[in-house]
Amino acid sequence: MEQKELAERAGVSLPSIKRLEQMEGALTATRVSTIEAIRAALEKAGVRFIPENGGGAGVRLAKPAG
């Protein structure tokens, strides 16, 4: 997904997406709502966040329904 599309889907500014992508380490933002909106948009697009399970946290794409 392009940055512009993610920004639109999450309802956040494109510069915010660009700034967050340039950060090293864990995602932090002045507004927690920004991170929550981005996560919600990614989850709606089929990204599943995997919690720490001994092998580290991560993501995967959901299997298509049906």
C-alpha atoms as a PDB file:
ATOM      1  CA  MET A   1       0.000   0.000   0.000  1.00  0.00           C
ATOM      2  CA  GLU A   2       1.346   3.403  -0.936  1.00  0.00           C
ATOM      3  CA  GLN A   3       1.857   6.026   1.770  1.00  0.00           C
ATOM      4  CA  LYS A   4      -0.829   8.265   0.263  1.00  0.00           C
ATOM      5  CA  GLU A   5      -3.413   5.476   0.320  1.00  0.00           C
ATOM      6  CA  LEU A   6      -2.567   4.574   3.918  1.00  0.00           C
ATOM      7  CA  ALA A   7      -2.866   8.221   4.944  1.00  0.00           C
ATOM      8  CA  GLU A   8      -6.291   8.451   3.295  1.00  0.00           C
ATOM      9  CA  ARG A   9      -7.530   5.167   4.777  1.00  0.00           C
ATOM     10  CA  ALA A  10      -6.279   6.108   8.255  1.00  0.00           C
ATOM     11  CA  GLY A  11      -7.443   9.711   8.084  1.00  0.00           C
ATOM     12  CA  VAL A  12      -4.012  11.082   8.920  1.00  0.00           C
ATOM     13  CA  SER A  13      -1.745  13.412   6.982  1.00  0.00           C
ATOM     14  CA  LEU A  14       0.737  12.121   4.431  1.00  0.00           C
ATOM     15  CA  PRO A  15       3.610  13.963   6.197  1.00  0.00           C
ATOM     16  CA  SER A  16       2.723  12.073   9.396  1.00  0.00           C
ATOM     17  CA  ILE A  17       3.030   8.735   7.601  1.00  0.00           C
ATOM     18  CA  LYS A  18       6.357   9.785   6.082  1.00  0.00           C
ATOM     19  CA  ARG A  19       7.738  10.911   9.462  1.00  0.00           C
ATOM     20  CA  LEU A  20       6.684   7.702  11.191  1.00  0.00           C
ATOM     21  CA  GLU A  21       8.216   5.523   8.471  1.00  0.00           C
ATOM     22  CA  GLN A  22      11.560   7.297   8.853  1.00  0.00           C
ATOM     23  CA  MET A  23      11.714   6.626  12.602  1.00  0.00           C
ATOM     24  CA  GLU A  24      13.928   3.831  13.892  1.00  0.00           C
ATOM     25  CA  GLY A  25      12.752   1.386  16.528  1.00  0.00           C
ATOM     26  CA  ALA A  26       9.317   1.109  18.071  1.00  0.00           C
ATOM     27  CA  LEU A  27       6.628   3.331  16.634  1.00  0.00           C
ATOM     28  CA  THR A  28       5.922   6.385  18.726  1.00  0.00           C
ATOM     29  CA  ALA A  29       3.900   9.446  17.955  1.00  0.00           C
ATOM     30  CA  THR A  30       2.835  12.516  19.838  1.00  0.00           C
ATOM     31  CA  ARG A  31      -0.754  11.407  19.356  1.00  0.00           C
ATOM     32  CA  VAL A  32      -1.527   7.803  20.182  1.00  0.00           C
ATOM     33  CA  SER A  33      -4.686   8.217  18.097  1.00  0.00           C
ATOM     34  CA  THR A  34      -2.490   8.508  14.982  1.00  0.00           C
ATOM     35  CA  ILE A  35      -0.914   5.112  15.596  1.00  0.00           C
ATOM     36  CA  GLU A  36      -4.298   3.582  16.426  1.00  0.00           C
ATOM     37  CA  ALA A  37      -5.800   4.958  13.189  1.00  0.00           C
ATOM     38  CA  ILE A  38      -2.930   3.567  11.120  1.00  0.00           C
ATOM     39  CA  ARG A  39      -3.194   0.170  12.792  1.00  0.00           C
ATOM     40  CA  ALA A  40      -6.978   0.081  12.233  1.00  0.00           C
ATOM     41  CA  ALA A  41      -6.533   0.941   8.546  1.00  0.00           C
ATOM     42  CA  LEU A  42      -3.919  -1.794   8.110  1.00  0.00           C
ATOM     43  CA  GLU A  43      -6.079  -4.356   9.918  1.00  0.00           C
ATOM     44  CA  LYS A  44      -9.050  -3.451   7.726  1.00  0.00           C
ATOM     45  CA  ALA A  45      -6.795  -4.059   4.706  1.00  0.00           C
ATOM     46  CA  GLY A  46      -6.017  -7.586   5.951  1.00  0.00           C
ATOM     47  CA  VAL A  47      -2.837  -7.121   7.986  1.00  0.00           C
ATOM     48  CA  ARG A  48      -2.811  -9.166  11.198  1.00  0.00           C
ATOM     49  CA  PHE A  49      -0.499  -8.115  14.023  1.00  0.00           C
ATOM     50  CA  ILE A  50       1.133 -11.049  15.825  1.00  0.00           C
ATOM     51  CA  PRO A  51       2.071 -10.610  19.491  1.00  0.00           C
ATOM     52  CA  GLU A  52       5.419 -11.542  20.956  1.00  0.00           C
ATOM     53  CA  ASN A  53       5.526 -15.351  21.021  1.00  0.00           C
ATOM     54  CA  GLY A  54       9.143 -16.181  21.653  1.00  0.00           C
ATOM     55  CA  GLY A  55      10.079 -15.485  18.051  1.00  0.00           C
ATOM     56  CA  GLY A  56       9.312 -11.781  18.209  1.00  0.00           C
ATOM     57  CA  ALA A  57       6.314  -9.677  17.302  1.00  0.00           C
ATOM     58  CA  GLY A  58       5.360  -9.430  13.635  1.00  0.00           C
ATOM     59  CA  VAL A  59       2.645  -9.162  11.015  1.00  0.00           C
ATOM     60  CA  ARG A  60       1.077 -11.371   8.371  1.00  0.00           C
ATOM     61  CA  LEU A  61      -1.640 -11.028   5.766  1.00  0.00           C
ATOM     62  CA  ALA A  62      -4.975 -12.634   6.583  1.00  0.00           C
ATOM     63  CA  LYS A  63      -6.143 -15.484   4.388  1.00  0.00           C
ATOM     64  CA  PRO A  64      -8.910 -14.419   2.007  1.00  0.00           C
ATOM     65  CA  ALA A  65     -12.360 -15.458   3.180  1.00  0.00           C
ATOM     66  CA  GLY A  66     -13.872 -18.463   1.409  1.00  0.00           C
END
